[in-house]
């Protein structure tokens, strides 16, 4: 990955920082969800490195490249509304009258 950023070492040494900076903008619930999903995404990244190694290739995928190609929105819309934090209640709670 050719990159002239003099702080590239920092991003590689602190993947948490890179992850939080890479979460795309969106609704508050979208951003809140993804900011808490680093371990899930990191696991997928580790799996991608493992697949490279198992196929006989050197595990050379950079985390930054993985995040740039990560299907944030597609994965978000694959979640149920409840998982996305959308209130699915259609009826108001019952009302009890006391006489």
PDB file of N, CA and C in Angstrom:
ATOM      1  N   UNK A   1       0.847  -1.167   0.000  1.00  0.00           N
ATOM      2  CA  UNK A   1       0.000   0.000   0.000  1.00  0.00           C
ATOM      3  C   UNK A   1       0.899   1.238   0.000  1.00  0.00           C
ATOM      4  N   UNK A   2       1.058   1.849  -1.153  1.00  0.00           N
ATOM      5  CA  UNK A   2       1.868   3.070  -1.181  1.00  0.00           C
ATOM      6  C   UNK A   2       1.106   4.214  -0.519  1.00  0.00           C
ATOM      7  N   UNK A   3       1.736   4.802   0.476  1.00  0.00           N
ATOM      8  CA  UNK A   3       1.091   5.883   1.201  1.00  0.00           C
ATOM      9  C   UNK A   3       2.175   6.833   1.672  1.00  0.00           C
ATOM     10  N   UNK A   4       2.004   8.102   1.382  1.00  0.00           N
ATOM     11  CA  UNK A   4       3.003   9.099   1.773  1.00  0.00           C
ATOM     12  C   UNK A   4       2.671   9.763   3.096  1.00  0.00           C
ATOM     13  N   UNK A   5       1.717   9.237   3.829  1.00  0.00           N
ATOM     14  CA  UNK A   5       1.328   9.788   5.110  1.00  0.00           C
ATOM     15  C   UNK A   5       2.411   9.457   6.140  1.00  0.00           C
ATOM     16  N   UNK A   6       3.004  10.486   6.728  1.00  0.00           N
ATOM     17  CA  UNK A   6       4.080  10.235   7.700  1.00  0.00           C
ATOM     18  C   UNK A   6       3.548   9.623   8.991  1.00  0.00           C
ATOM     19  N   UNK A   7       2.231   9.634   9.197  1.00  0.00           N
ATOM     20  CA  UNK A   7       1.624   9.066  10.402  1.00  0.00           C
ATOM     21  C   UNK A   7       1.076   7.662  10.164  1.00  0.00           C
ATOM     22  N   UNK A   8       1.393   7.066   9.037  1.00  0.00           N
ATOM     23  CA  UNK A   8       0.907   5.720   8.724  1.00  0.00           C
ATOM     24  C   UNK A   8       1.328   4.712   9.796  1.00  0.00           C
ATOM     25  N   UNK A   9       2.517   4.853  10.323  1.00  0.00           N
ATOM     26  CA  UNK A   9       2.985   3.937  11.381  1.00  0.00           C
ATOM     27  C   UNK A   9       2.041   3.975  12.581  1.00  0.00           C
ATOM     28  N   UNK A  10       1.540   5.173  12.888  1.00  0.00           N
ATOM     29  CA  UNK A  10       0.642   5.328  14.029  1.00  0.00           C
ATOM     30  C   UNK A  10      -0.646   4.539  13.804  1.00  0.00           C
ATOM     31  N   UNK A  11      -1.208   4.640  12.616  1.00  0.00           N
ATOM     32  CA  UNK A  11      -2.441   3.923  12.292  1.00  0.00           C
ATOM     33  C   UNK A  11      -2.241   2.417  12.336  1.00  0.00           C
ATOM     34  N   UNK A  12      -1.074   1.951  11.913  1.00  0.00           N
ATOM     35  CA  UNK A  12      -0.799   0.521  11.946  1.00  0.00           C
ATOM     36  C   UNK A  12      -0.560   0.029  13.372  1.00  0.00           C
ATOM     37  N   UNK A  13       0.046   0.865  14.203  1.00  0.00           N
ATOM     38  CA  UNK A  13       0.321   0.480  15.593  1.00  0.00           C
ATOM     39  C   UNK A  13      -0.917   0.571  16.480  1.00  0.00           C
ATOM     40  N   UNK A  14      -1.878   1.410  16.109  1.00  0.00           N
ATOM     41  CA  UNK A  14      -3.097   1.614  16.896  1.00  0.00           C
ATOM     42  C   UNK A  14      -4.331   1.408  16.016  1.00  0.00           C
ATOM     43  N   UNK A  15      -4.672   0.146  15.725  1.00  0.00           N
ATOM     44  CA  UNK A  15      -5.799  -0.110  14.829  1.00  0.00           C
ATOM     45  C   UNK A  15      -7.135   0.387  15.381  1.00  0.00           C
ATOM     46  N   UNK A  16      -7.235   0.536  16.711  1.00  0.00           N
ATOM     47  CA  UNK A  16      -8.473   1.063  17.292  1.00  0.00           C
ATOM     48  C   UNK A  16      -8.731   2.479  16.792  1.00  0.00           C
ATOM     49  N   UNK A  17      -7.664   3.270  16.720  1.00  0.00           N
ATOM     50  CA  UNK A  17      -7.774   4.642  16.251  1.00  0.00           C
ATOM     51  C   UNK A  17      -8.178   4.666  14.787  1.00  0.00           C
ATOM     52  N   UNK A  18      -7.556   3.826  13.995  1.00  0.00           N
ATOM     53  CA  UNK A  18      -7.894   3.736  12.575  1.00  0.00           C
ATOM     54  C   UNK A  18      -9.347   3.316  12.401  1.00  0.00           C
ATOM     55  N   UNK A  19      -9.795   2.344  13.184  1.00  0.00           N
ATOM     56  CA  UNK A  19     -11.175   1.880  13.083  1.00  0.00           C
ATOM     57  C   UNK A  19     -12.149   3.009  13.399  1.00  0.00           C
ATOM     58  N   UNK A  20     -11.957   3.674  14.532  1.00  0.00           N
ATOM     59  CA  UNK A  20     -12.885   4.737  14.928  1.00  0.00           C
ATOM     60  C   UNK A  20     -12.900   5.870  13.911  1.00  0.00           C
ATOM     61  N   UNK A  21     -11.765   6.159  13.306  1.00  0.00           N
ATOM     62  CA  UNK A  21     -11.702   7.211  12.288  1.00  0.00           C
ATOM     63  C   UNK A  21     -12.333   6.764  10.967  1.00  0.00           C
ATOM     64  N   UNK A  22     -12.470   5.468  10.768  1.00  0.00           N
ATOM     65  CA  UNK A  22     -12.995   4.941   9.507  1.00  0.00           C
ATOM     66  C   UNK A  22     -14.499   4.718   9.503  1.00  0.00           C
ATOM     67  N   UNK A  23     -15.133   4.743  10.673  1.00  0.00           N
ATOM     68  CA  UNK A  23     -16.586   4.547  10.724  1.00  0.00           C
ATOM     69  C   UNK A  23     -17.232   5.657   9.900  1.00  0.00           C
ATOM     70  N   UNK A  24     -17.996   5.292   8.871  1.00  0.00           N
ATOM     71  CA  UNK A  24     -18.574   6.328   8.007  1.00  0.00           C
ATOM     72  C   UNK A  24     -19.658   7.128   8.721  1.00  0.00           C
ATOM     73  N   UNK A  25     -19.882   8.329   8.220  1.00  0.00           N
ATOM     74  CA  UNK A  25     -20.929   9.187   8.770  1.00  0.00           C
ATOM     75  C   UNK A  25     -22.288   8.600   8.415  1.00  0.00           C
ATOM     76  N   UNK A  26     -23.253   8.878   9.238  1.00  0.00           N
ATOM     77  CA  UNK A  26     -24.604   8.396   9.009  1.00  0.00           C
ATOM     78  C   UNK A  26     -25.493   8.857  10.135  1.00  0.00           C
ATOM     79  N   UNK A  27     -26.591   8.171  10.321  1.00  0.00           N
ATOM     80  CA  UNK A  27     -27.493   8.517  11.415  1.00  0.00           C
ATOM     81  C   UNK A  27     -26.795   8.227  12.735  1.00  0.00           C
ATOM     82  N   UNK A  28     -27.255   8.839  13.811  1.00  0.00           N
ATOM     83  CA  UNK A  28     -26.623   8.555  15.114  1.00  0.00           C
ATOM     84  C   UNK A  28     -26.653   7.071  15.470  1.00  0.00           C
ATOM     85  N   UNK A  29     -27.752   6.376  15.173  1.00  0.00           N
ATOM     86  CA  UNK A  29     -27.800   4.948  15.512  1.00  0.00           C
ATOM     87  C   UNK A  29     -26.816   4.150  14.653  1.00  0.00           C
ATOM     88  N   UNK A  30     -26.621   4.548  13.390  1.00  0.00           N
ATOM     89  CA  UNK A  30     -25.654   3.891  12.505  1.00  0.00           C
ATOM     90  C   UNK A  30     -24.248   4.031  13.075  1.00  0.00           C
ATOM     91  N   UNK A  31     -23.871   5.255  13.429  1.00  0.00           N
ATOM     92  CA  UNK A  31     -22.532   5.482  13.956  1.00  0.00           C
ATOM     93  C   UNK A  31     -22.340   4.818  15.319  1.00  0.00           C
ATOM     94  N   UNK A  32     -23.335   4.899  16.185  1.00  0.00           N
ATOM     95  CA  UNK A  32     -23.232   4.262  17.505  1.00  0.00           C
ATOM     96  C   UNK A  32     -23.032   2.761  17.363  1.00  0.00           C
ATOM     97  N   UNK A  33     -23.798   2.149  16.470  1.00  0.00           N
ATOM     98  CA  UNK A  33     -23.685   0.705  16.279  1.00  0.00           C
ATOM     99  C   UNK A  33     -22.262   0.336  15.838  1.00  0.00           C
ATOM    100  N   UNK A  34     -21.763   1.003  14.801  1.00  0.00           N
ATOM    101  CA  UNK A  34     -20.458   0.626  14.254  1.00  0.00           C
ATOM    102  C   UNK A  34     -19.312   0.978  15.191  1.00  0.00           C
ATOM    103  N   UNK A  35     -19.443   2.021  15.981  1.00  0.00           N
ATOM    104  CA  UNK A  35     -18.376   2.357  16.916  1.00  0.00           C
ATOM    105  C   UNK A  35     -18.206   1.271  17.971  1.00  0.00           C
ATOM    106  N   UNK A  36     -19.245   0.487  18.204  1.00  0.00           N
ATOM    107  CA  UNK A  36     -19.182  -0.590  19.203  1.00  0.00           C
ATOM    108  C   UNK A  36     -18.882  -1.958  18.588  1.00  0.00           C
ATOM    109  N   UNK A  37     -18.651  -2.014  17.298  1.00  0.00           N
ATOM    110  CA  UNK A  37     -18.470  -3.292  16.618  1.00  0.00           C
ATOM    111  C   UNK A  37     -17.026  -3.576  16.203  1.00  0.00           C
ATOM    112  N   UNK A  38     -16.062  -2.923  16.816  1.00  0.00           N
ATOM    113  CA  UNK A  38     -14.679  -3.106  16.395  1.00  0.00           C
ATOM    114  C   UNK A  38     -14.219  -4.556  16.501  1.00  0.00           C
ATOM    115  N   UNK A  39     -14.570  -5.235  17.579  1.00  0.00           N
ATOM    116  CA  UNK A  39     -14.101  -6.613  17.739  1.00  0.00           C
ATOM    117  C   UNK A  39     -14.676  -7.512  16.646  1.00  0.00           C
ATOM    118  N   UNK A  40     -15.917  -7.281  16.249  1.00  0.00           N
ATOM    119  CA  UNK A  40     -16.532  -8.056  15.168  1.00  0.00           C
ATOM    120  C   UNK A  40     -15.796  -7.803  13.844  1.00  0.00           C
ATOM    121  N   UNK A  41     -15.563  -6.537  13.543  1.00  0.00           N
ATOM    122  CA  UNK A  41     -14.889  -6.186  12.288  1.00  0.00           C
ATOM    123  C   UNK A  41     -13.442  -6.660  12.312  1.00  0.00           C
ATOM    124  N   UNK A  42     -12.780  -6.535  13.448  1.00  0.00           N
ATOM    125  CA  UNK A  42     -11.397  -7.003  13.563  1.00  0.00           C
ATOM    126  C   UNK A  42     -11.333  -8.521  13.367  1.00  0.00           C
ATOM    127  N   UNK A  43     -12.337  -9.236  13.873  1.00  0.00           N
ATOM    128  CA  UNK A  43     -12.396 -10.681  13.650  1.00  0.00           C
ATOM    129  C   UNK A  43     -12.544 -11.020  12.177  1.00  0.00           C
ATOM    130  N   UNK A  44     -13.342 -10.251  11.464  1.00  0.00           N
ATOM    131  CA  UNK A  44     -13.493 -10.468  10.024  1.00  0.00           C
ATOM    132  C   UNK A  44     -12.183 -10.186   9.301  1.00  0.00           C
ATOM    133  N   UNK A  45     -11.463  -9.156   9.753  1.00  0.00           N
ATOM    134  CA  UNK A  45     -10.159  -8.833   9.168  1.00  0.00           C
ATOM    135  C   UNK A  45      -9.167  -9.978   9.410  1.00  0.00           C
ATOM    136  N   UNK A  46      -9.133 -10.485  10.641  1.00  0.00           N
ATOM    137  CA  UNK A  46      -8.244 -11.605  10.945  1.00  0.00           C
ATOM    138  C   UNK A  46      -8.594 -12.824  10.098  1.00  0.00           C
ATOM    139  N   UNK A  47      -9.889 -13.041   9.875  1.00  0.00           N
ATOM    140  CA  UNK A  47     -10.323 -14.134   9.009  1.00  0.00           C
ATOM    141  C   UNK A  47      -9.847 -13.955   7.584  1.00  0.00           C
ATOM    142  N   UNK A  48      -9.882 -12.716   7.085  1.00  0.00           N
ATOM    143  CA  UNK A  48      -9.399 -12.445   5.727  1.00  0.00           C
ATOM    144  C   UNK A  48      -7.898 -12.717   5.623  1.00  0.00           C
ATOM    145  N   UNK A  49      -7.137 -12.358   6.664  1.00  0.00           N
ATOM    146  CA  UNK A  49      -5.695 -12.660   6.677  1.00  0.00           C
ATOM    147  C   UNK A  49      -5.466 -14.169   6.701  1.00  0.00           C
ATOM    148  N   UNK A  50      -6.281 -14.879   7.487  1.00  0.00           N
ATOM    149  CA  UNK A  50      -6.156 -16.335   7.559  1.00  0.00           C
ATOM    150  C   UNK A  50      -6.449 -16.996   6.219  1.00  0.00           C
ATOM    151  N   UNK A  51      -7.441 -16.484   5.505  1.00  0.00           N
ATOM    152  CA  UNK A  51      -7.764 -17.031   4.181  1.00  0.00           C
ATOM    153  C   UNK A  51      -6.611 -16.821   3.211  1.00  0.00           C
ATOM    154  N   UNK A  52      -5.951 -15.660   3.307  1.00  0.00           N
ATOM    155  CA  UNK A  52      -4.781 -15.430   2.451  1.00  0.00           C
ATOM    156  C   UNK A  52      -3.696 -16.460   2.763  1.00  0.00           C
ATOM    157  N   UNK A  53      -3.418 -16.667   4.035  1.00  0.00           N
ATOM    158  CA  UNK A  53      -2.368 -17.608   4.431  1.00  0.00           C
ATOM    159  C   UNK A  53      -2.728 -19.036   4.035  1.00  0.00           C
ATOM    160  N   UNK A  54      -4.001 -19.417   4.205  1.00  0.00           N
ATOM    161  CA  UNK A  54      -4.408 -20.781   3.861  1.00  0.00           C
ATOM    162  C   UNK A  54      -4.336 -21.046   2.366  1.00  0.00           C
ATOM    163  N   UNK A  55      -4.455 -19.999   1.569  1.00  0.00           N
ATOM    164  CA  UNK A  55      -4.367 -20.185   0.113  1.00  0.00           C
ATOM    165  C   UNK A  55      -2.930 -20.128  -0.388  1.00  0.00           C
ATOM    166  N   UNK A  56      -1.977 -19.996   0.535  1.00  0.00           N
ATOM    167  CA  UNK A  56      -0.568 -20.000   0.159  1.00  0.00           C
ATOM    168  C   UNK A  56      -0.017 -18.613  -0.127  1.00  0.00           C
ATOM    169  N   UNK A  57      -0.808 -17.589   0.084  1.00  0.00           N
ATOM    170  CA  UNK A  57      -0.348 -16.218  -0.118  1.00  0.00           C
ATOM    171  C   UNK A  57       0.144 -15.648   1.209  1.00  0.00           C
ATOM    172  N   UNK A  58       1.040 -14.690   1.146  1.00  0.00           N
ATOM    173  CA  UNK A  58       1.425 -14.041   2.406  1.00  0.00           C
ATOM    174  C   UNK A  58       0.258 -13.193   2.915  1.00  0.00           C
ATOM    175  N   UNK A  59       0.000 -13.207   4.218  1.00  0.00           N
ATOM    176  CA  UNK A  59      -1.080 -12.376   4.757  1.00  0.00           C
ATOM    177  C   UNK A  59      -0.681 -10.899   4.698  1.00  0.00           C
ATOM    178  N   UNK A  60      -1.013 -10.258   3.587  1.00  0.00           N
ATOM    179  CA  UNK A  60      -0.510  -8.910   3.318  1.00  0.00           C
ATOM    180  C   UNK A  60      -1.598  -7.840   3.260  1.00  0.00           C
ATOM    181  N   UNK A  61      -2.809  -8.178   3.649  1.00  0.00           N
ATOM    182  CA  UNK A  61      -3.901  -7.216   3.609  1.00  0.00           C
ATOM    183  C   UNK A  61      -3.759  -6.225   4.768  1.00  0.00           C
ATOM    184  N   UNK A  62      -3.660  -4.959   4.442  1.00  0.00           N
ATOM    185  CA  UNK A  62      -3.575  -3.923   5.464  1.00  0.00           C
ATOM    186  C   UNK A  62      -4.970  -3.655   6.022  1.00  0.00           C
ATOM    187  N   UNK A  63      -5.037  -3.367   7.309  1.00  0.00           N
ATOM    188  CA  UNK A  63      -6.317  -3.089   7.956  1.00  0.00           C
ATOM    189  C   UNK A  63      -7.000  -1.885   7.310  1.00  0.00           C
ATOM    190  N   UNK A  64      -6.228  -0.879   6.939  1.00  0.00           N
ATOM    191  CA  UNK A  64      -6.795   0.303   6.298  1.00  0.00           C
ATOM    192  C   UNK A  64      -7.464  -0.066   4.971  1.00  0.00           C
ATOM    193  N   UNK A  65      -6.837  -0.924   4.193  1.00  0.00           N
ATOM    194  CA  UNK A  65      -7.434  -1.366   2.926  1.00  0.00           C
ATOM    195  C   UNK A  65      -8.696  -2.176   3.175  1.00  0.00           C
ATOM    196  N   UNK A  66      -8.656  -3.024   4.200  1.00  0.00           N
ATOM    197  CA  UNK A  66      -9.832  -3.818   4.547  1.00  0.00           C
ATOM    198  C   UNK A  66     -11.001  -2.902   4.909  1.00  0.00           C
ATOM    199  N   UNK A  67     -10.749  -1.871   5.719  1.00  0.00           N
ATOM    200  CA  UNK A  67     -11.813  -0.961   6.138  1.00  0.00           C
ATOM    201  C   UNK A  67     -12.362  -0.134   4.973  1.00  0.00           C
ATOM    202  N   UNK A  68     -11.488   0.233   4.043  1.00  0.00           N
ATOM    203  CA  UNK A  68     -11.942   1.022   2.899  1.00  0.00           C
ATOM    204  C   UNK A  68     -12.898   0.229   2.016  1.00  0.00           C
ATOM    205  N   UNK A  69     -12.765  -1.078   2.011  1.00  0.00           N
ATOM    206  CA  UNK A  69     -13.628  -1.927   1.188  1.00  0.00           C
ATOM    207  C   UNK A  69     -14.713  -2.623   2.002  1.00  0.00           C
ATOM    208  N   UNK A  70     -14.826  -2.293   3.278  1.00  0.00           N
ATOM    209  CA  UNK A  70     -15.797  -2.954   4.150  1.00  0.00           C
ATOM    210  C   UNK A  70     -17.215  -2.494   3.793  1.00  0.00           C
ATOM    211  N   UNK A  71     -18.163  -3.430   3.685  1.00  0.00           N
ATOM    212  CA  UNK A  71     -19.536  -3.065   3.292  1.00  0.00           C
ATOM    213  C   UNK A  71     -20.363  -2.563   4.477  1.00  0.00           C
ATOM    214  N   UNK A  72     -20.017  -1.400   5.006  1.00  0.00           N
ATOM    215  CA  UNK A  72     -20.681  -0.844   6.189  1.00  0.00           C
ATOM    216  C   UNK A  72     -22.196  -0.795   6.017  1.00  0.00           C
ATOM    217  N   UNK A  73     -22.639  -0.124   4.963  1.00  0.00           N
ATOM    218  CA  UNK A  73     -24.078   0.102   4.766  1.00  0.00           C
ATOM    219  C   UNK A  73     -24.811  -1.200   4.488  1.00  0.00           C
ATOM    220  N   UNK A  74     -24.243  -2.064   3.660  1.00  0.00           N
ATOM    221  CA  UNK A  74     -24.888  -3.344   3.348  1.00  0.00           C
ATOM    222  C   UNK A  74     -25.074  -4.165   4.620  1.00  0.00           C
ATOM    223  N   UNK A  75     -24.053  -4.245   5.440  1.00  0.00           N
ATOM    224  CA  UNK A  75     -24.158  -5.002   6.694  1.00  0.00           C
ATOM    225  C   UNK A  75     -25.174  -4.368   7.635  1.00  0.00           C
ATOM    226  N   UNK A  76     -25.258  -3.046   7.637  1.00  0.00           N
ATOM    227  CA  UNK A  76     -26.215  -2.326   8.479  1.00  0.00           C
ATOM    228  C   UNK A  76     -27.644  -2.694   8.084  1.00  0.00           C
ATOM    229  N   UNK A  77     -27.926  -2.681   6.786  1.00  0.00           N
ATOM    230  CA  UNK A  77     -29.285  -2.965   6.335  1.00  0.00           C
ATOM    231  C   UNK A  77     -29.631  -4.448   6.400  1.00  0.00           C
ATOM    232  N   UNK A  78     -28.641  -5.306   6.591  1.00  0.00           N
ATOM    233  CA  UNK A  78     -28.910  -6.727   6.809  1.00  0.00           C
ATOM    234  C   UNK A  78     -29.348  -7.007   8.245  1.00  0.00           C
ATOM    235  N   UNK A  79     -29.164  -6.045   9.138  1.00  0.00           N
ATOM    236  CA  UNK A  79     -29.587  -6.199  10.529  1.00  0.00           C
ATOM    237  C   UNK A  79     -31.101  -6.015  10.630  1.00  0.00           C
ATOM    238  N   UNK A  80     -31.681  -6.619  11.640  1.00  0.00           N
ATOM    239  CA  UNK A  80     -33.106  -6.399  11.883  1.00  0.00           C
ATOM    240  C   UNK A  80     -33.290  -4.978  12.418  1.00  0.00           C
ATOM    241  N   UNK A  81     -34.498  -4.418  12.291  1.00  0.00           N
ATOM    242  CA  UNK A  81     -34.714  -3.074  12.837  1.00  0.00           C
ATOM    243  C   UNK A  81     -34.379  -2.981  14.326  1.00  0.00           C
ATOM    244  N   UNK A  82     -34.691  -4.016  15.082  1.00  0.00           N
ATOM    245  CA  UNK A  82     -34.370  -4.004  16.504  1.00  0.00           C
ATOM    246  C   UNK A  82     -32.872  -3.933  16.757  1.00  0.00           C
ATOM    247  N   UNK A  83     -32.071  -4.644  15.947  1.00  0.00           N
ATOM    248  CA  UNK A  83     -30.618  -4.607  16.085  1.00  0.00           C
ATOM    249  C   UNK A  83     -30.068  -3.237  15.724  1.00  0.00           C
ATOM    250  N   UNK A  84     -30.763  -2.526  14.842  1.00  0.00           N
ATOM    251  CA  UNK A  84     -30.343  -1.183  14.444  1.00  0.00           C
ATOM    252  C   UNK A  84     -30.825  -0.122  15.417  1.00  0.00           C
ATOM    253  N   UNK A  85     -31.618  -0.513  16.421  1.00  0.00           N
ATOM    254  CA  UNK A  85     -32.102   0.440  17.394  1.00  0.00           C
ATOM    255  C   UNK A  85     -33.366   1.162  16.981  1.00  0.00           C
ATOM    256  N   UNK A  86     -34.051   0.617  15.975  1.00  0.00           N
ATOM    257  CA  UNK A  86     -35.286   1.226  15.514  1.00  0.00           C
ATOM    258  C   UNK A  86     -36.430   0.699  16.365  1.00  0.00           C
ATOM    259  N   UNK A  87     -37.236   1.573  16.876  1.00  0.00           N
ATOM    260  CA  UNK A  87     -38.380   1.175  17.693  1.00  0.00           C
ATOM    261  C   UNK A  87     -39.439   0.578  16.783  1.00  0.00           C
ATOM    262  N   UNK A  88     -39.724  -0.702  16.968  1.00  0.00           N
ATOM    263  CA  UNK A  88     -40.692  -1.377  16.100  1.00  0.00           C
ATOM    264  C   UNK A  88     -42.064  -1.490  16.737  1.00  0.00           C
ATOM    265  N   UNK A  89     -42.225  -0.933  17.922  1.00  0.00           N
ATOM    266  CA  UNK A  89     -43.530  -0.993  18.587  1.00  0.00           C
ATOM    267  C   UNK A  89     -44.561  -0.197  17.805  1.00  0.00           C
ATOM    268  N   UNK A  90     -45.672  -0.817  17.496  1.00  0.00           N
ATOM    269  CA  UNK A  90     -46.679  -0.147  16.689  1.00  0.00           C
ATOM    270  C   UNK A  90     -47.860   0.329  17.515  1.00  0.00           C
ATOM    271  N   UNK A  91     -47.979  -0.183  18.698  1.00  0.00           N
ATOM    272  CA  UNK A  91     -49.116   0.188  19.515  1.00  0.00           C
ATOM    273  C   UNK A  91     -48.621   0.800  20.822  1.00  0.00           C
ATOM    274  N   UNK A  92     -49.374   1.750  21.275  1.00  0.00           N
ATOM    275  CA  UNK A  92     -49.046   2.357  22.550  1.00  0.00           C
ATOM    276  C   UNK A  92     -49.337   1.360  23.666  1.00  0.00           C
ATOM    277  N   UNK A  93     -48.657   1.476  24.795  1.00  0.00           N
ATOM    278  CA  UNK A  93     -48.954   0.569  25.907  1.00  0.00           C
ATOM    279  C   UNK A  93     -50.409   0.728  26.351  1.00  0.00           C
ATOM    280  N   UNK A  94     -50.934  -0.344  26.878  1.00  0.00           N
ATOM    281  CA  UNK A  94     -52.348  -0.313  27.263  1.00  0.00           C
ATOM    282  C   UNK A  94     -52.571   0.692  28.396  1.00  0.00           C
ATOM    283  N   UNK A  95     -53.752   1.225  28.401  1.00  0.00           N
ATOM    284  CA  UNK A  95     -54.123   2.218  29.402  1.00  0.00           C
ATOM    285  C   UNK A  95     -55.097   1.584  30.390  1.00  0.00           C
ATOM    286  N   UNK A  96     -54.826   1.717  31.643  1.00  0.00           N
ATOM    287  CA  UNK A  96     -55.710   1.146  32.648  1.00  0.00           C
ATOM    288  C   UNK A  96     -56.375   2.284  33.408  1.00  0.00           C
ATOM    289  N   UNK A  97     -57.686   2.225  33.447  1.00  0.00           N
ATOM    290  CA  UNK A  97     -58.453   3.230  34.178  1.00  0.00           C
ATOM    291  C   UNK A  97     -58.754   2.702  35.565  1.00  0.00           C
ATOM    292  N   UNK A  98     -58.574   3.531  36.545  1.00  0.00           N
ATOM    293  CA  UNK A  98     -58.912   3.165  37.912  1.00  0.00           C
ATOM    294  C   UNK A  98     -60.103   4.012  38.350  1.00  0.00           C
ATOM    295  N   UNK A  99     -61.133   3.352  38.791  1.00  0.00           N
ATOM    296  CA  UNK A  99     -62.346   4.062  39.236  1.00  0.00           C
ATOM    297  C   UNK A  99     -62.458   4.057  40.717  1.00  0.00           C
TER     298      UNK A  99
END
